[in-house]
């Protein structure tokens, strides 16, 4: 699990460092587009349930989506749980690829934070 957290943090850092902008619905990432079309409370609930860490999602925040490179179309969300935990969620555009989740603390010291646009 630690390796996935480090990988996710590295991918997020690379996405931001390369200056990729957030894009709206119609992004080429159908899972992200579906989330963007849902009410905010429903998004938080769905994301919290999706990664099976006992998270009852109470807040979801779209951080951005990569627009070029190997990670093109990857969406990044922050989720705050009822128990106070927070996670960053990486959602690839290919539905056959798994969603990757890491504790927001994995971003500490990287210059990146959860709940901030990139």
PDB file of N, CA and C in Angstrom:
ATOM      1  N   UNK A   1       0.842  -1.188   0.000  1.00  0.00           N
ATOM      2  CA  UNK A   1       0.000   0.000   0.000  1.00  0.00           C
ATOM      3  C   UNK A   1       0.884   1.246   0.000  1.00  0.00           C
ATOM      4  N   UNK A   2       1.982   1.234   0.725  1.00  0.00           N
ATOM      5  CA  UNK A   2       2.880   2.383   0.788  1.00  0.00           C
ATOM      6  C   UNK A   2       3.413   2.721  -0.596  1.00  0.00           C
ATOM      7  N   UNK A   3       3.739   1.684  -1.377  1.00  0.00           N
ATOM      8  CA  UNK A   3       4.245   1.908  -2.730  1.00  0.00           C
ATOM      9  C   UNK A   3       3.235   2.630  -3.598  1.00  0.00           C
ATOM     10  N   UNK A   4       1.964   2.283  -3.469  1.00  0.00           N
ATOM     11  CA  UNK A   4       0.913   2.952  -4.242  1.00  0.00           C
ATOM     12  C   UNK A   4       0.799   4.403  -3.836  1.00  0.00           C
ATOM     13  N   UNK A   5       0.958   4.689  -2.539  1.00  0.00           N
ATOM     14  CA  UNK A   5       0.894   6.071  -2.061  1.00  0.00           C
ATOM     15  C   UNK A   5       2.027   6.897  -2.632  1.00  0.00           C
ATOM     16  N   UNK A   6       3.219   6.336  -2.644  1.00  0.00           N
ATOM     17  CA  UNK A   6       4.378   7.041  -3.185  1.00  0.00           C
ATOM     18  C   UNK A   6       4.202   7.253  -4.685  1.00  0.00           C
ATOM     19  N   UNK A   7       3.710   6.228  -5.381  1.00  0.00           N
ATOM     20  CA  UNK A   7       3.484   6.339  -6.810  1.00  0.00           C
ATOM     21  C   UNK A   7       2.446   7.403  -7.130  1.00  0.00           C
ATOM     22  N   UNK A   8       1.364   7.426  -6.369  1.00  0.00           N
ATOM     23  CA  UNK A   8       0.320   8.425  -6.574  1.00  0.00           C
ATOM     24  C   UNK A   8       0.866   9.822  -6.310  1.00  0.00           C
ATOM     25  N   UNK A   9       1.597   9.998  -5.228  1.00  0.00           N
ATOM     26  CA  UNK A   9       2.169  11.309  -4.920  1.00  0.00           C
ATOM     27  C   UNK A   9       3.119  11.749  -6.029  1.00  0.00           C
ATOM     28  N   UNK A  10       3.923  10.825  -6.536  1.00  0.00           N
ATOM     29  CA  UNK A  10       4.845  11.150  -7.623  1.00  0.00           C
ATOM     30  C   UNK A  10       4.102  11.554  -8.892  1.00  0.00           C
ATOM     31  N   UNK A  11       3.037  10.826  -9.204  1.00  0.00           N
ATOM     32  CA  UNK A  11       2.250  11.156 -10.398  1.00  0.00           C
ATOM     33  C   UNK A  11       1.606  12.518 -10.265  1.00  0.00           C
ATOM     34  N   UNK A  12       1.083  12.822  -9.088  1.00  0.00           N
ATOM     35  CA  UNK A  12       0.455  14.118  -8.867  1.00  0.00           C
ATOM     36  C   UNK A  12       1.479  15.232  -8.976  1.00  0.00           C
ATOM     37  N   UNK A  13       2.650  15.037  -8.425  1.00  0.00           N
ATOM     38  CA  UNK A  13       3.710  16.035  -8.510  1.00  0.00           C
ATOM     39  C   UNK A  13       4.099  16.262  -9.965  1.00  0.00           C
ATOM     40  N   UNK A  14       4.243  15.183 -10.720  1.00  0.00           N
ATOM     41  CA  UNK A  14       4.615  15.308 -12.128  1.00  0.00           C
ATOM     42  C   UNK A  14       3.543  16.041 -12.911  1.00  0.00           C
ATOM     43  N   UNK A  15       2.295  15.744 -12.645  1.00  0.00           N
ATOM     44  CA  UNK A  15       1.200  16.404 -13.354  1.00  0.00           C
ATOM     45  C   UNK A  15       1.217  17.900 -13.110  1.00  0.00           C
ATOM     46  N   UNK A  16       1.426  18.293 -11.875  1.00  0.00           N
ATOM     47  CA  UNK A  16       1.442  19.710 -11.533  1.00  0.00           C
ATOM     48  C   UNK A  16       2.712  20.374 -12.046  1.00  0.00           C
ATOM     49  N   UNK A  17       3.833  19.704 -11.899  1.00  0.00           N
ATOM     50  CA  UNK A  17       5.111  20.283 -12.314  1.00  0.00           C
ATOM     51  C   UNK A  17       5.146  20.570 -13.808  1.00  0.00           C
ATOM     52  N   UNK A  18       4.434  19.777 -14.584  1.00  0.00           N
ATOM     53  CA  UNK A  18       4.419  19.988 -16.024  1.00  0.00           C
ATOM     54  C   UNK A  18       3.388  21.010 -16.458  1.00  0.00           C
ATOM     55  N   UNK A  19       2.693  21.623 -15.475  1.00  0.00           N
ATOM     56  CA  UNK A  19       1.780  22.711 -15.787  1.00  0.00           C
ATOM     57  C   UNK A  19       0.500  22.295 -16.452  1.00  0.00           C
ATOM     58  N   UNK A  20       0.053  21.114 -16.210  1.00  0.00           N
ATOM     59  CA  UNK A  20      -1.192  20.661 -16.818  1.00  0.00           C
ATOM     60  C   UNK A  20      -2.357  21.350 -16.143  1.00  0.00           C
ATOM     61  N   UNK A  21      -3.331  21.712 -16.942  1.00  0.00           N
ATOM     62  CA  UNK A  21      -4.492  22.450 -16.459  1.00  0.00           C
ATOM     63  C   UNK A  21      -5.675  21.527 -16.206  1.00  0.00           C
ATOM     64  N   UNK A  22      -6.551  21.965 -15.329  1.00  0.00           N
ATOM     65  CA  UNK A  22      -7.800  21.238 -15.104  1.00  0.00           C
ATOM     66  C   UNK A  22      -8.727  21.497 -16.283  1.00  0.00           C
ATOM     67  N   UNK A  23      -9.478  20.487 -16.655  1.00  0.00           N
ATOM     68  CA  UNK A  23     -10.451  20.640 -17.729  1.00  0.00           C
ATOM     69  C   UNK A  23     -11.820  20.218 -17.234  1.00  0.00           C
ATOM     70  N   UNK A  24     -12.841  20.670 -17.899  1.00  0.00           N
ATOM     71  CA  UNK A  24     -14.220  20.406 -17.478  1.00  0.00           C
ATOM     72  C   UNK A  24     -14.716  19.082 -18.035  1.00  0.00           C
ATOM     73  N   UNK A  25     -15.995  18.817 -17.800  1.00  0.00           N
ATOM     74  CA  UNK A  25     -16.629  17.606 -18.309  1.00  0.00           C
ATOM     75  C   UNK A  25     -16.390  17.507 -19.809  1.00  0.00           C
ATOM     76  N   UNK A  26     -16.347  16.294 -20.328  1.00  0.00           N
ATOM     77  CA  UNK A  26     -15.981  16.092 -21.724  1.00  0.00           C
ATOM     78  C   UNK A  26     -14.488  15.938 -21.855  1.00  0.00           C
ATOM     79  N   UNK A  27     -13.866  15.557 -20.761  1.00  0.00           N
ATOM     80  CA  UNK A  27     -12.420  15.505 -20.648  1.00  0.00           C
ATOM     81  C   UNK A  27     -11.787  14.282 -21.288  1.00  0.00           C
ATOM     82  N   UNK A  28     -12.607  13.290 -21.665  1.00  0.00           N
ATOM     83  CA  UNK A  28     -12.044  12.042 -22.144  1.00  0.00           C
ATOM     84  C   UNK A  28     -11.884  11.026 -21.027  1.00  0.00           C
ATOM     85  N   UNK A  29     -12.266  11.396 -19.825  1.00  0.00           N
ATOM     86  CA  UNK A  29     -12.239  10.484 -18.681  1.00  0.00           C
ATOM     87  C   UNK A  29     -13.695  10.298 -18.234  1.00  0.00           C
ATOM     88  N   UNK A  30     -14.352   9.229 -18.709  1.00  0.00           N
ATOM     89  CA  UNK A  30     -15.777   9.071 -18.427  1.00  0.00           C
ATOM     90  C   UNK A  30     -16.103   8.957 -16.942  1.00  0.00           C
ATOM     91  N   UNK A  31     -15.222   8.349 -16.164  1.00  0.00           N
ATOM     92  CA  UNK A  31     -15.502   8.243 -14.722  1.00  0.00           C
ATOM     93  C   UNK A  31     -15.483   9.620 -14.072  1.00  0.00           C
ATOM     94  N   UNK A  32     -14.531  10.442 -14.448  1.00  0.00           N
ATOM     95  CA  UNK A  32     -14.445  11.793 -13.907  1.00  0.00           C
ATOM     96  C   UNK A  32     -15.654  12.628 -14.351  1.00  0.00           C
ATOM     97  N   UNK A  33     -16.016  12.505 -15.611  1.00  0.00           N
ATOM     98  CA  UNK A  33     -17.145  13.273 -16.127  1.00  0.00           C
ATOM     99  C   UNK A  33     -18.442  12.906 -15.401  1.00  0.00           C
ATOM    100  N   UNK A  34     -18.610  11.607 -15.097  1.00  0.00           N
ATOM    101  CA  UNK A  34     -19.792  11.188 -14.332  1.00  0.00           C
ATOM    102  C   UNK A  34     -19.780  11.812 -12.943  1.00  0.00           C
ATOM    103  N   UNK A  35     -18.614  11.837 -12.306  1.00  0.00           N
ATOM    104  CA  UNK A  35     -18.521  12.451 -10.976  1.00  0.00           C
ATOM    105  C   UNK A  35     -18.865  13.933 -11.033  1.00  0.00           C
ATOM    106  N   UNK A  36     -18.359  14.624 -12.034  1.00  0.00           N
ATOM    107  CA  UNK A  36     -18.615  16.056 -12.155  1.00  0.00           C
ATOM    108  C   UNK A  36     -20.095  16.366 -12.373  1.00  0.00           C
ATOM    109  N   UNK A  37     -20.826  15.417 -12.932  1.00  0.00           N
ATOM    110  CA  UNK A  37     -22.255  15.621 -13.196  1.00  0.00           C
ATOM    111  C   UNK A  37     -23.135  15.333 -11.980  1.00  0.00           C
ATOM    112  N   UNK A  38     -22.561  14.747 -10.951  1.00  0.00           N
ATOM    113  CA  UNK A  38     -23.324  14.370  -9.758  1.00  0.00           C
ATOM    114  C   UNK A  38     -23.343  15.505  -8.736  1.00  0.00           C
ATOM    115  N   UNK A  39     -24.349  15.531  -7.850  1.00  0.00           N
ATOM    116  CA  UNK A  39     -24.327  16.493  -6.741  1.00  0.00           C
ATOM    117  C   UNK A  39     -23.106  16.238  -5.847  1.00  0.00           C
ATOM    118  N   UNK A  40     -22.552  17.304  -5.293  1.00  0.00           N
ATOM    119  CA  UNK A  40     -21.309  17.221  -4.516  1.00  0.00           C
ATOM    120  C   UNK A  40     -21.384  16.186  -3.398  1.00  0.00           C
ATOM    121  N   UNK A  41     -22.475  16.146  -2.656  1.00  0.00           N
ATOM    122  CA  UNK A  41     -22.596  15.193  -1.550  1.00  0.00           C
ATOM    123  C   UNK A  41     -22.574  13.759  -2.060  1.00  0.00           C
ATOM    124  N   UNK A  42     -23.172  13.536  -3.205  1.00  0.00           N
ATOM    125  CA  UNK A  42     -23.194  12.196  -3.791  1.00  0.00           C
ATOM    126  C   UNK A  42     -21.799  11.786  -4.267  1.00  0.00           C
ATOM    127  N   UNK A  43     -21.036  12.735  -4.792  1.00  0.00           N
ATOM    128  CA  UNK A  43     -19.662  12.465  -5.219  1.00  0.00           C
ATOM    129  C   UNK A  43     -18.827  12.049  -4.018  1.00  0.00           C
ATOM    130  N   UNK A  44     -18.931  12.793  -2.929  1.00  0.00           N
ATOM    131  CA  UNK A  44     -18.161  12.474  -1.718  1.00  0.00           C
ATOM    132  C   UNK A  44     -18.493  11.074  -1.227  1.00  0.00           C
ATOM    133  N   UNK A  45     -19.770  10.750  -1.227  1.00  0.00           N
ATOM    134  CA  UNK A  45     -20.204   9.424  -0.772  1.00  0.00           C
ATOM    135  C   UNK A  45     -19.657   8.328  -1.693  1.00  0.00           C
ATOM    136  N   UNK A  46     -19.787   8.530  -3.003  1.00  0.00           N
ATOM    137  CA  UNK A  46     -19.335   7.529  -3.967  1.00  0.00           C
ATOM    138  C   UNK A  46     -17.825   7.319  -3.888  1.00  0.00           C
ATOM    139  N   UNK A  47     -17.062   8.398  -3.817  1.00  0.00           N
ATOM    140  CA  UNK A  47     -15.610   8.254  -3.733  1.00  0.00           C
ATOM    141  C   UNK A  47     -15.211   7.572  -2.429  1.00  0.00           C
ATOM    142  N   UNK A  48     -15.827   7.967  -1.324  1.00  0.00           N
ATOM    143  CA  UNK A  48     -15.508   7.346  -0.039  1.00  0.00           C
ATOM    144  C   UNK A  48     -15.740   5.850  -0.051  1.00  0.00           C
ATOM    145  N   UNK A  49     -16.808   5.420  -0.645  1.00  0.00           N
ATOM    146  CA  UNK A  49     -17.123   3.987  -0.713  1.00  0.00           C
ATOM    147  C   UNK A  49     -16.185   3.249  -1.678  1.00  0.00           C
ATOM    148  N   UNK A  50     -15.676   3.929  -2.678  1.00  0.00           N
ATOM    149  CA  UNK A  50     -14.937   3.270  -3.745  1.00  0.00           C
ATOM    150  C   UNK A  50     -13.612   2.667  -3.311  1.00  0.00           C
ATOM    151  N   UNK A  51     -13.027   3.163  -2.228  1.00  0.00           N
ATOM    152  CA  UNK A  51     -11.711   2.646  -1.875  1.00  0.00           C
ATOM    153  C   UNK A  51     -11.665   1.863  -0.576  1.00  0.00           C
ATOM    154  N   UNK A  52     -12.788   1.526  -0.017  1.00  0.00           N
ATOM    155  CA  UNK A  52     -12.902   0.537   1.059  1.00  0.00           C
ATOM    156  C   UNK A  52     -11.932   0.761   2.231  1.00  0.00           C
ATOM    157  N   UNK A  53     -11.865   1.964   2.726  1.00  0.00           N
ATOM    158  CA  UNK A  53     -11.025   2.253   3.896  1.00  0.00           C
ATOM    159  C   UNK A  53     -11.873   2.789   5.040  1.00  0.00           C
ATOM    160  N   UNK A  54     -13.144   2.453   5.036  1.00  0.00           N
ATOM    161  CA  UNK A  54     -14.036   2.913   6.092  1.00  0.00           C
ATOM    162  C   UNK A  54     -14.359   4.387   5.992  1.00  0.00           C
ATOM    163  N   UNK A  55     -14.234   4.948   4.805  1.00  0.00           N
ATOM    164  CA  UNK A  55     -14.476   6.375   4.602  1.00  0.00           C
ATOM    165  C   UNK A  55     -15.939   6.621   4.265  1.00  0.00           C
ATOM    166  N   UNK A  56     -16.571   7.417   5.093  1.00  0.00           N
ATOM    167  CA  UNK A  56     -17.889   7.951   4.760  1.00  0.00           C
ATOM    168  C   UNK A  56     -17.606   9.358   4.245  1.00  0.00           C
ATOM    169  N   UNK A  57     -17.634   9.511   2.936  1.00  0.00           N
ATOM    170  CA  UNK A  57     -17.255  10.780   2.324  1.00  0.00           C
ATOM    171  C   UNK A  57     -18.216  11.904   2.659  1.00  0.00           C
ATOM    172  N   UNK A  58     -17.666  13.035   3.113  1.00  0.00           N
ATOM    173  CA  UNK A  58     -18.480  14.206   3.426  1.00  0.00           C
ATOM    174  C   UNK A  58     -18.116  15.409   2.552  1.00  0.00           C
ATOM    175  N   UNK A  59     -16.969  15.342   1.896  1.00  0.00           N
ATOM    176  CA  UNK A  59     -16.550  16.426   1.005  1.00  0.00           C
ATOM    177  C   UNK A  59     -15.676  15.834  -0.094  1.00  0.00           C
ATOM    178  N   UNK A  60     -15.931  16.256  -1.324  1.00  0.00           N
ATOM    179  CA  UNK A  60     -15.113  15.853  -2.470  1.00  0.00           C
ATOM    180  C   UNK A  60     -14.695  17.114  -3.211  1.00  0.00           C
ATOM    181  N   UNK A  61     -13.467  17.112  -3.681  1.00  0.00           N
ATOM    182  CA  UNK A  61     -12.915  18.289  -4.337  1.00  0.00           C
ATOM    183  C   UNK A  61     -12.147  17.851  -5.587  1.00  0.00           C
ATOM    184  N   UNK A  62     -12.553  18.320  -6.770  1.00  0.00           N
ATOM    185  CA  UNK A  62     -11.808  17.974  -7.989  1.00  0.00           C
ATOM    186  C   UNK A  62     -10.535  18.817  -8.070  1.00  0.00           C
ATOM    187  N   UNK A  63      -9.388  18.159  -7.989  1.00  0.00           N
ATOM    188  CA  UNK A  63      -8.108  18.870  -7.992  1.00  0.00           C
ATOM    189  C   UNK A  63      -7.659  19.226  -9.407  1.00  0.00           C
ATOM    190  N   UNK A  64      -7.938  18.350 -10.358  1.00  0.00           N
ATOM    191  CA  UNK A  64      -7.544  18.620 -11.735  1.00  0.00           C
ATOM    192  C   UNK A  64      -7.459  17.341 -12.530  1.00  0.00           C
ATOM    193  N   UNK A  65      -7.177  17.505 -13.796  1.00  0.00           N
ATOM    194  CA  UNK A  65      -7.037  16.371 -14.705  1.00  0.00           C
ATOM    195  C   UNK A  65      -5.880  16.679 -15.647  1.00  0.00           C
ATOM    196  N   UNK A  66      -5.041  15.675 -15.876  1.00  0.00           N
ATOM    197  CA  UNK A  66      -3.888  15.896 -16.736  1.00  0.00           C
ATOM    198  C   UNK A  66      -4.326  15.936 -18.195  1.00  0.00           C
ATOM    199  N   UNK A  67      -3.660  16.753 -18.975  1.00  0.00           N
ATOM    200  CA  UNK A  67      -4.072  16.946 -20.362  1.00  0.00           C
ATOM    201  C   UNK A  67      -3.046  16.480 -21.385  1.00  0.00           C
ATOM    202  N   UNK A  68      -1.895  15.994 -20.923  1.00  0.00           N
ATOM    203  CA  UNK A  68      -0.893  15.506 -21.872  1.00  0.00           C
ATOM    204  C   UNK A  68       0.023  14.499 -21.187  1.00  0.00           C
ATOM    205  N   UNK A  69       0.865  13.892 -21.988  1.00  0.00           N
ATOM    206  CA  UNK A  69       1.826  12.931 -21.461  1.00  0.00           C
ATOM    207  C   UNK A  69       1.220  11.568 -21.187  1.00  0.00           C
ATOM    208  N   UNK A  70       2.015  10.716 -20.553  1.00  0.00           N
ATOM    209  CA  UNK A  70       1.570   9.338 -20.263  1.00  0.00           C
ATOM    210  C   UNK A  70       0.346   9.295 -19.368  1.00  0.00           C
ATOM    211  N   UNK A  71       0.173  10.277 -18.524  1.00  0.00           N
ATOM    212  CA  UNK A  71      -0.962  10.306 -17.592  1.00  0.00           C
ATOM    213  C   UNK A  71      -2.124  11.146 -18.130  1.00  0.00           C
ATOM    214  N   UNK A  72      -2.160  11.359 -19.436  1.00  0.00           N
ATOM    215  CA  UNK A  72      -3.229  12.168 -20.027  1.00  0.00           C
ATOM    216  C   UNK A  72      -4.594  11.614 -19.624  1.00  0.00           C
ATOM    217  N   UNK A  73      -5.455  12.492 -19.142  1.00  0.00           N
ATOM    218  CA  UNK A  73      -6.805  12.111 -18.776  1.00  0.00           C
ATOM    219  C   UNK A  73      -6.974  11.610 -17.361  1.00  0.00           C
ATOM    220  N   UNK A  74      -5.892  11.497 -16.609  1.00  0.00           N
ATOM    221  CA  UNK A  74      -6.001  11.064 -15.216  1.00  0.00           C
ATOM    222  C   UNK A  74      -6.593  12.208 -14.397  1.00  0.00           C
ATOM    223  N   UNK A  75      -7.640  11.891 -13.649  1.00  0.00           N
ATOM    224  CA  UNK A  75      -8.295  12.883 -12.793  1.00  0.00           C
ATOM    225  C   UNK A  75      -7.830  12.682 -11.351  1.00  0.00           C
ATOM    226  N   UNK A  76      -7.740  13.782 -10.616  1.00  0.00           N
ATOM    227  CA  UNK A  76      -7.328  13.742  -9.216  1.00  0.00           C
ATOM    228  C   UNK A  76      -8.393  14.437  -8.376  1.00  0.00           C
ATOM    229  N   UNK A  77      -8.829  13.748  -7.344  1.00  0.00           N
ATOM    230  CA  UNK A  77      -9.835  14.252  -6.420  1.00  0.00           C
ATOM    231  C   UNK A  77      -9.312  14.151  -5.001  1.00  0.00           C
ATOM    232  N   UNK A  78      -9.775  15.045  -4.146  1.00  0.00           N
ATOM    233  CA  UNK A  78      -9.548  14.940  -2.708  1.00  0.00           C
ATOM    234  C   UNK A  78     -10.879  14.566  -2.072  1.00  0.00           C
ATOM    235  N   UNK A  79     -10.814  13.725  -1.043  1.00  0.00           N
ATOM    236  CA  UNK A  79     -12.016  13.302  -0.327  1.00  0.00           C
ATOM    237  C   UNK A  79     -11.765  13.428   1.169  1.00  0.00           C
ATOM    238  N   UNK A  80     -12.682  14.092   1.851  1.00  0.00           N
ATOM    239  CA  UNK A  80     -12.629  14.188   3.313  1.00  0.00           C
ATOM    240  C   UNK A  80     -13.688  13.240   3.867  1.00  0.00           C
ATOM    241  N   UNK A  81     -13.295  12.451   4.856  1.00  0.00           N
ATOM    242  CA  UNK A  81     -14.181  11.451   5.443  1.00  0.00           C
ATOM    243  C   UNK A  81     -14.755  11.954   6.761  1.00  0.00           C
ATOM    244  N   UNK A  82     -15.870  11.384   7.131  1.00  0.00           N
ATOM    245  CA  UNK A  82     -16.555  11.754   8.373  1.00  0.00           C
ATOM    246  C   UNK A  82     -15.643  11.590   9.591  1.00  0.00           C
ATOM    247  N   UNK A  83     -14.737  10.617   9.554  1.00  0.00           N
ATOM    248  CA  UNK A  83     -13.838  10.364  10.680  1.00  0.00           C
ATOM    249  C   UNK A  83     -12.629  11.308  10.706  1.00  0.00           C
ATOM    250  N   UNK A  84     -12.561  12.266   9.758  1.00  0.00           N
ATOM    251  CA  UNK A  84     -11.470  13.241   9.728  1.00  0.00           C
ATOM    252  C   UNK A  84     -10.335  12.884   8.784  1.00  0.00           C
ATOM    253  N   UNK A  85     -10.284  11.655   8.304  1.00  0.00           N
ATOM    254  CA  UNK A  85      -9.238  11.261   7.363  1.00  0.00           C
ATOM    255  C   UNK A  85      -9.490  11.926   6.005  1.00  0.00           C
ATOM    256  N   UNK A  86      -8.416  12.152   5.259  1.00  0.00           N
ATOM    257  CA  UNK A  86      -8.518  12.726   3.921  1.00  0.00           C
ATOM    258  C   UNK A  86      -7.643  11.926   2.973  1.00  0.00           C
ATOM    259  N   UNK A  87      -8.132  11.775   1.747  1.00  0.00           N
ATOM    260  CA  UNK A  87      -7.426  10.983   0.745  1.00  0.00           C
ATOM    261  C   UNK A  87      -7.362  11.717  -0.575  1.00  0.00           C
ATOM    262  N   UNK A  88      -6.325  11.415  -1.346  1.00  0.00           N
ATOM    263  CA  UNK A  88      -6.226  11.846  -2.730  1.00  0.00           C
ATOM    264  C   UNK A  88      -6.535  10.614  -3.573  1.00  0.00           C
ATOM    265  N   UNK A  89      -7.341  10.808  -4.613  1.00  0.00           N
ATOM    266  CA  UNK A  89      -7.794   9.710  -5.458  1.00  0.00           C
ATOM    267  C   UNK A  89      -7.378  10.003  -6.898  1.00  0.00           C
ATOM    268  N   UNK A  90      -6.688   9.038  -7.509  1.00  0.00           N
ATOM    269  CA  UNK A  90      -6.277   9.148  -8.907  1.00  0.00           C
ATOM    270  C   UNK A  90      -7.205   8.250  -9.724  1.00  0.00           C
ATOM    271  N   UNK A  91      -7.877   8.838 -10.703  1.00  0.00           N
ATOM    272  CA  UNK A  91      -8.854   8.105 -11.506  1.00  0.00           C
ATOM    273  C   UNK A  91      -8.384   8.093 -12.961  1.00  0.00           C
ATOM    274  N   UNK A  92      -7.907   6.942 -13.428  1.00  0.00           N
ATOM    275  CA  UNK A  92      -7.481   6.865 -14.826  1.00  0.00           C
ATOM    276  C   UNK A  92      -8.680   6.869 -15.769  1.00  0.00           C
ATOM    277  N   UNK A  93      -8.478   7.310 -17.012  1.00  0.00           N
ATOM    278  CA  UNK A  93      -9.589   7.372 -17.956  1.00  0.00           C
ATOM    279  C   UNK A  93     -10.048   6.001 -18.445  1.00  0.00           C
ATOM    280  N   UNK A  94      -9.183   5.023 -18.421  1.00  0.00           N
ATOM    281  CA  UNK A  94      -9.508   3.675 -18.867  1.00  0.00           C
ATOM    282  C   UNK A  94     -10.186   2.930 -17.720  1.00  0.00           C
ATOM    283  N   UNK A  95     -11.438   2.532 -17.901  1.00  0.00           N
ATOM    284  CA  UNK A  95     -12.178   1.899 -16.809  1.00  0.00           C
ATOM    285  C   UNK A  95     -11.592   0.556 -16.398  1.00  0.00           C
ATOM    286  N   UNK A  96     -10.720  -0.012 -17.201  1.00  0.00           N
ATOM    287  CA  UNK A  96     -10.062  -1.272 -16.844  1.00  0.00           C
ATOM    288  C   UNK A  96      -8.896  -1.052 -15.884  1.00  0.00           C
ATOM    289  N   UNK A  97      -8.457   0.177 -15.751  1.00  0.00           N
ATOM    290  CA  UNK A  97      -7.344   0.491 -14.850  1.00  0.00           C
ATOM    291  C   UNK A  97      -7.900   0.828 -13.470  1.00  0.00           C
ATOM    292  N   UNK A  98      -7.189   0.432 -12.427  1.00  0.00           N
ATOM    293  CA  UNK A  98      -7.701   0.670 -11.071  1.00  0.00           C
ATOM    294  C   UNK A  98      -7.543   2.119 -10.629  1.00  0.00           C
ATOM    295  N   UNK A  99      -8.443   2.508  -9.752  1.00  0.00           N
ATOM    296  CA  UNK A  99      -8.335   3.792  -9.069  1.00  0.00           C
ATOM    297  C   UNK A  99      -7.257   3.631  -7.994  1.00  0.00           C
ATOM    298  N   UNK A 100      -6.404   4.636  -7.841  1.00  0.00           N
ATOM    299  CA  UNK A 100      -5.347   4.599  -6.832  1.00  0.00           C
ATOM    300  C   UNK A 100      -5.676   5.636  -5.770  1.00  0.00           C
ATOM    301  N   UNK A 101      -5.523   5.250  -4.515  1.00  0.00           N
ATOM    302  CA  UNK A 101      -5.871   6.107  -3.383  1.00  0.00           C
ATOM    303  C   UNK A 101      -4.681   6.194  -2.443  1.00  0.00           C
ATOM    304  N   UNK A 102      -4.460   7.381  -1.904  1.00  0.00           N
ATOM    305  CA  UNK A 102      -3.411   7.568  -0.896  1.00  0.00           C
ATOM    306  C   UNK A 102      -3.898   8.557   0.145  1.00  0.00           C
ATOM    307  N   UNK A 103      -3.431   8.374   1.346  1.00  0.00           N
ATOM    308  CA  UNK A 103      -3.712   9.317   2.423  1.00  0.00           C
ATOM    309  C   UNK A 103      -3.118  10.670   2.030  1.00  0.00           C
ATOM    310  N   UNK A 104      -3.824  11.739   2.288  1.00  0.00           N
ATOM    311  CA  UNK A 104      -3.323  13.070   1.936  1.00  0.00           C
ATOM    312  C   UNK A 104      -1.976  13.370   2.600  1.00  0.00           C
ATOM    313  N   UNK A 105      -1.701  12.719   3.701  1.00  0.00           N
ATOM    314  CA  UNK A 105      -0.407  12.926   4.362  1.00  0.00           C
ATOM    315  C   UNK A 105       0.750  12.486   3.482  1.00  0.00           C
ATOM    316  N   UNK A 106       0.492  11.615   2.480  1.00  0.00           N
ATOM    317  CA  UNK A 106       1.546  11.169   1.568  1.00  0.00           C
ATOM    318  C   UNK A 106       2.086  12.324   0.735  1.00  0.00           C
ATOM    319  N   UNK A 107       1.313  13.401   0.614  1.00  0.00           N
ATOM    320  CA  UNK A 107       1.751  14.553  -0.166  1.00  0.00           C
ATOM    321  C   UNK A 107       2.609  15.518   0.651  1.00  0.00           C
ATOM    322  N   UNK A 108       2.652  15.347   1.967  1.00  0.00           N
ATOM    323  CA  UNK A 108       3.427  16.255   2.812  1.00  0.00           C
ATOM    324  C   UNK A 108       4.885  16.258   2.387  1.00  0.00           C
ATOM    325  N   UNK A 109       5.438  17.436   2.294  1.00  0.00           N
ATOM    326  CA  UNK A 109       6.826  17.594   1.920  1.00  0.00           C
ATOM    327  C   UNK A 109       7.068  17.562   0.419  1.00  0.00           C
ATOM    328  N   UNK A 110       6.019  17.425  -0.370  1.00  0.00           N
ATOM    329  CA  UNK A 110       6.171  17.363  -1.826  1.00  0.00           C
ATOM    330  C   UNK A 110       5.874  18.709  -2.492  1.00  0.00           C
ATOM    331  N   UNK A 111       5.352  19.646  -1.707  1.00  0.00           N
ATOM    332  CA  UNK A 111       4.942  20.921  -2.275  1.00  0.00           C
ATOM    333  C   UNK A 111       3.533  20.883  -2.829  1.00  0.00           C
ATOM    334  N   UNK A 112       2.854  19.779  -2.682  1.00  0.00           N
ATOM    335  CA  UNK A 112       1.468  19.625  -3.157  1.00  0.00           C
ATOM    336  C   UNK A 112       0.574  19.335  -1.965  1.00  0.00           C
ATOM    337  N   UNK A 113      -0.703  19.640  -2.136  1.00  0.00           N
ATOM    338  CA  UNK A 113      -1.665  19.437  -1.063  1.00  0.00           C
ATOM    339  C   UNK A 113      -2.973  18.925  -1.629  1.00  0.00           C
ATOM    340  N   UNK A 114      -3.719  18.229  -0.788  1.00  0.00           N
ATOM    341  CA  UNK A 114      -5.085  17.868  -1.140  1.00  0.00           C
ATOM    342  C   UNK A 114      -5.942  19.130  -1.065  1.00  0.00           C
ATOM    343  N   UNK A 115      -7.077  19.087  -1.713  1.00  0.00           N
ATOM    344  CA  UNK A 115      -8.062  20.170  -1.692  1.00  0.00           C
ATOM    345  C   UNK A 115      -7.529  21.473  -2.298  1.00  0.00           C
ATOM    346  N   UNK A 116      -6.632  21.337  -3.286  1.00  0.00           N
ATOM    347  CA  UNK A 116      -6.141  22.493  -4.039  1.00  0.00           C
ATOM    348  C   UNK A 116      -6.126  22.136  -5.518  1.00  0.00           C
ATOM    349  N   UNK A 117      -6.568  23.071  -6.341  1.00  0.00           N
ATOM    350  CA  UNK A 117      -6.528  22.890  -7.793  1.00  0.00           C
ATOM    351  C   UNK A 117      -5.084  22.918  -8.257  1.00  0.00           C
ATOM    352  N   UNK A 118      -4.817  22.218  -9.357  1.00  0.00           N
ATOM    353  CA  UNK A 118      -3.507  22.335  -9.995  1.00  0.00           C
ATOM    354  C   UNK A 118      -3.679  22.715 -11.437  1.00  0.00           C
TER     355      UNK A 118
END
